[in-house]
């Protein structure tokens, strides 16, 4: 049986953020890449794809939940 799998790179299994070729030119990460790294615990930066909309959605969702929590605690803290 012959396989075509050749994994010579010793960094292939480790987290993507610790690979030497990750962000070698010090480019800025977009929101989708950042959320992909967060959801996969640093294993992959392209899970959400190359579109910026999923990253913006999760950023706005986090912001909305934070604002709702602050308003909730402000409004109902004085009642109790």
N, C-alpha and C. Protein backbone atom coordinates (compact mmCIF):
# COMPACT_ATOMS: atom_id res chain seq x y z
N UNK A 1 0.84 -1.17 0.00
CA UNK A 1 0.00 0.00 0.00
C UNK A 1 0.89 1.24 0.00
N UNK A 2 0.63 2.14 -0.92
CA UNK A 2 1.41 3.35 -1.03
C UNK A 2 0.55 4.54 -0.63
N UNK A 3 1.08 5.38 0.21
CA UNK A 3 0.34 6.59 0.59
C UNK A 3 1.08 7.81 0.06
N UNK A 4 0.34 8.85 -0.18
CA UNK A 4 0.92 10.09 -0.67
C UNK A 4 1.12 11.11 0.45
N UNK A 5 0.97 10.70 1.68
CA UNK A 5 1.12 11.62 2.79
C UNK A 5 2.59 11.74 3.17
N UNK A 6 3.07 12.94 3.14
CA UNK A 6 4.44 13.22 3.55
C UNK A 6 4.40 14.45 4.45
N UNK A 7 4.66 14.27 5.72
CA UNK A 7 4.61 15.36 6.67
C UNK A 7 6.01 15.67 7.18
N UNK A 8 6.83 16.34 6.39
CA UNK A 8 8.19 16.62 6.84
C UNK A 8 8.26 17.77 7.84
N UNK A 9 7.24 18.60 7.88
CA UNK A 9 7.27 19.77 8.75
C UNK A 9 6.98 19.38 10.19
N UNK A 10 7.92 19.63 11.08
CA UNK A 10 7.72 19.23 12.48
C UNK A 10 6.72 20.13 13.19
N UNK A 11 6.37 21.27 12.59
CA UNK A 11 5.41 22.19 13.19
C UNK A 11 3.98 21.94 12.73
N UNK A 12 3.76 20.90 11.98
CA UNK A 12 2.45 20.66 11.39
C UNK A 12 1.38 20.37 12.42
N UNK A 13 1.71 19.72 13.51
CA UNK A 13 0.71 19.31 14.49
C UNK A 13 0.49 20.38 15.57
N UNK A 14 1.45 21.22 15.84
CA UNK A 14 1.34 22.22 16.89
C UNK A 14 0.40 23.35 16.53
N UNK A 15 0.13 24.21 17.49
CA UNK A 15 -0.73 25.37 17.23
C UNK A 15 -0.16 26.26 16.14
N UNK A 16 -1.04 26.85 15.36
CA UNK A 16 -0.62 27.66 14.22
C UNK A 16 0.12 28.92 14.67
N UNK A 17 -0.19 29.44 15.84
CA UNK A 17 0.46 30.67 16.28
C UNK A 17 1.92 30.47 16.65
N UNK A 18 2.35 29.24 16.89
CA UNK A 18 3.75 28.98 17.23
C UNK A 18 4.56 28.50 16.04
N UNK A 19 3.96 28.42 14.87
CA UNK A 19 4.70 28.04 13.67
C UNK A 19 5.51 29.24 13.18
N UNK A 20 6.70 29.01 12.70
CA UNK A 20 7.55 30.14 12.27
C UNK A 20 6.97 30.91 11.08
N UNK A 21 6.22 30.26 10.22
CA UNK A 21 5.69 30.96 9.04
C UNK A 21 4.40 31.72 9.33
N UNK A 22 3.86 31.59 10.55
CA UNK A 22 2.63 32.31 10.88
C UNK A 22 2.94 33.78 11.07
N UNK A 23 2.29 34.62 10.30
CA UNK A 23 2.40 36.07 10.40
C UNK A 23 3.86 36.52 10.39
N UNK A 24 4.62 36.01 9.45
CA UNK A 24 6.05 36.32 9.36
C UNK A 24 6.31 37.78 8.98
N UNK A 25 5.39 38.40 8.24
CA UNK A 25 5.57 39.79 7.84
C UNK A 25 4.90 40.77 8.81
N UNK A 26 4.46 40.30 9.98
CA UNK A 26 3.83 41.12 11.02
C UNK A 26 2.60 41.85 10.49
N UNK A 27 1.78 41.14 9.73
CA UNK A 27 0.55 41.72 9.22
C UNK A 27 -0.51 41.71 10.32
N UNK A 28 -1.47 42.61 10.19
CA UNK A 28 -2.57 42.64 11.15
C UNK A 28 -3.53 41.49 10.87
N UNK A 29 -4.04 40.88 11.92
CA UNK A 29 -5.05 39.84 11.77
C UNK A 29 -6.41 40.50 11.64
N UNK A 30 -7.26 39.94 10.80
CA UNK A 30 -8.62 40.48 10.76
C UNK A 30 -9.46 39.79 11.84
N UNK A 31 -10.67 40.26 12.02
CA UNK A 31 -11.53 39.75 13.10
C UNK A 31 -11.85 38.27 12.91
N UNK A 32 -12.04 37.82 11.68
CA UNK A 32 -12.35 36.41 11.44
C UNK A 32 -11.18 35.51 11.83
N UNK A 33 -9.97 35.94 11.53
CA UNK A 33 -8.80 35.15 11.93
C UNK A 33 -8.66 35.11 13.45
N UNK A 34 -8.90 36.23 14.09
CA UNK A 34 -8.79 36.28 15.55
C UNK A 34 -9.83 35.39 16.22
N UNK A 35 -11.07 35.44 15.74
CA UNK A 35 -12.10 34.57 16.31
C UNK A 35 -11.84 33.11 16.00
N UNK A 36 -11.30 32.82 14.82
CA UNK A 36 -10.96 31.43 14.49
C UNK A 36 -9.89 30.90 15.44
N UNK A 37 -8.89 31.71 15.72
CA UNK A 37 -7.86 31.30 16.67
C UNK A 37 -8.45 31.12 18.06
N UNK A 38 -9.38 31.97 18.44
CA UNK A 38 -10.01 31.85 19.76
C UNK A 38 -10.84 30.57 19.86
N UNK A 39 -11.69 30.30 18.85
CA UNK A 39 -12.57 29.14 18.90
C UNK A 39 -11.82 27.81 18.79
N UNK A 40 -10.68 27.80 18.12
CA UNK A 40 -9.91 26.56 17.95
C UNK A 40 -8.72 26.48 18.89
N UNK A 41 -8.63 27.38 19.85
CA UNK A 41 -7.53 27.42 20.82
C UNK A 41 -6.17 27.50 20.13
N UNK A 42 -6.08 28.34 19.10
CA UNK A 42 -4.82 28.57 18.42
C UNK A 42 -4.43 27.52 17.41
N UNK A 43 -5.32 26.58 17.09
CA UNK A 43 -4.96 25.51 16.16
C UNK A 43 -5.10 25.91 14.69
N UNK A 44 -6.04 26.78 14.37
CA UNK A 44 -6.28 27.12 12.96
C UNK A 44 -6.79 28.55 12.88
N UNK A 45 -6.33 29.30 11.89
CA UNK A 45 -6.76 30.68 11.75
C UNK A 45 -7.70 30.91 10.57
N UNK A 46 -8.08 29.85 9.87
CA UNK A 46 -8.94 30.01 8.71
C UNK A 46 -10.24 29.21 8.82
N UNK A 47 -10.67 28.91 10.03
CA UNK A 47 -11.90 28.12 10.22
C UNK A 47 -13.12 28.89 9.75
N UNK A 48 -13.16 30.19 10.01
CA UNK A 48 -14.31 31.00 9.60
C UNK A 48 -14.19 31.50 8.17
N UNK A 49 -13.18 31.11 7.47
CA UNK A 49 -13.01 31.49 6.08
C UNK A 49 -12.28 32.81 5.91
N UNK A 50 -12.29 33.30 4.71
CA UNK A 50 -11.58 34.53 4.39
C UNK A 50 -12.49 35.74 4.37
N UNK A 51 -13.78 35.54 4.61
CA UNK A 51 -14.75 36.63 4.62
C UNK A 51 -14.69 37.34 5.97
N UNK A 52 -14.83 38.65 5.98
CA UNK A 52 -14.73 39.43 7.22
C UNK A 52 -16.04 39.44 8.01
N UNK A 53 -17.15 39.05 7.41
CA UNK A 53 -18.44 39.16 8.07
C UNK A 53 -18.61 38.29 9.31
N UNK A 54 -18.15 37.02 9.34
CA UNK A 54 -18.29 36.25 10.59
C UNK A 54 -17.53 36.88 11.76
N UNK A 55 -16.38 37.42 11.51
CA UNK A 55 -15.62 38.07 12.57
C UNK A 55 -16.32 39.30 13.09
N UNK A 56 -16.90 40.09 12.19
CA UNK A 56 -17.64 41.27 12.61
C UNK A 56 -18.89 40.87 13.39
N UNK A 57 -19.54 39.79 13.00
CA UNK A 57 -20.72 39.31 13.71
C UNK A 57 -20.38 38.95 15.16
N UNK A 58 -19.31 38.16 15.36
CA UNK A 58 -18.95 37.76 16.71
C UNK A 58 -18.46 38.94 17.55
N UNK A 59 -17.79 39.89 16.93
CA UNK A 59 -17.36 41.08 17.65
C UNK A 59 -18.56 41.90 18.09
N UNK A 60 -19.51 42.11 17.19
CA UNK A 60 -20.72 42.86 17.53
C UNK A 60 -21.57 42.11 18.56
N UNK A 61 -21.61 40.79 18.46
CA UNK A 61 -22.35 39.99 19.44
C UNK A 61 -21.73 40.14 20.83
N UNK A 62 -20.42 40.10 20.92
CA UNK A 62 -19.73 40.28 22.20
C UNK A 62 -20.01 41.67 22.76
N UNK A 63 -19.97 42.67 21.92
CA UNK A 63 -20.26 44.03 22.34
C UNK A 63 -21.70 44.16 22.84
N UNK A 64 -22.66 43.58 22.11
CA UNK A 64 -24.07 43.65 22.50
C UNK A 64 -24.33 42.94 23.83
N UNK A 65 -23.72 41.79 24.04
CA UNK A 65 -23.89 41.06 25.29
C UNK A 65 -23.29 41.86 26.45
N UNK A 66 -22.16 42.50 26.21
CA UNK A 66 -21.53 43.31 27.26
C UNK A 66 -22.40 44.51 27.63
N UNK A 67 -22.91 45.20 26.64
CA UNK A 67 -23.77 46.36 26.91
C UNK A 67 -25.05 45.92 27.60
N UNK A 68 -25.65 44.81 27.17
CA UNK A 68 -26.86 44.32 27.81
C UNK A 68 -26.59 43.93 29.27
N UNK A 69 -25.46 43.32 29.55
CA UNK A 69 -25.10 42.96 30.92
C UNK A 69 -24.89 44.17 31.80
N UNK A 70 -24.25 45.20 31.27
CA UNK A 70 -24.04 46.43 32.04
C UNK A 70 -25.37 47.11 32.32
N UNK A 71 -26.22 47.21 31.30
CA UNK A 71 -27.54 47.82 31.51
C UNK A 71 -28.38 47.01 32.50
N UNK A 72 -28.34 45.71 32.38
CA UNK A 72 -29.10 44.84 33.28
C UNK A 72 -28.65 45.05 34.73
N UNK A 73 -27.35 45.04 34.95
CA UNK A 73 -26.86 45.20 36.32
C UNK A 73 -27.12 46.61 36.86
N UNK A 74 -27.08 47.61 35.99
CA UNK A 74 -27.36 48.98 36.42
C UNK A 74 -28.84 49.16 36.78
N UNK A 75 -29.72 48.65 35.94
CA UNK A 75 -31.15 48.83 36.17
C UNK A 75 -31.67 48.01 37.35
N UNK A 76 -31.21 46.77 37.48
CA UNK A 76 -31.77 45.90 38.49
C UNK A 76 -30.95 45.86 39.77
N UNK A 77 -29.82 46.54 39.81
CA UNK A 77 -29.05 46.62 41.04
C UNK A 77 -29.73 47.56 42.04
N UNK A 78 -30.37 48.59 41.55
CA UNK A 78 -31.04 49.55 42.44
C UNK A 78 -32.36 49.01 42.95
N UNK A 79 -32.96 48.05 42.28
CA UNK A 79 -34.24 47.49 42.68
C UNK A 79 -34.07 46.55 43.86
N UNK A 80 -33.03 45.77 43.87
CA UNK A 80 -32.84 44.76 44.92
C UNK A 80 -32.22 45.34 46.15
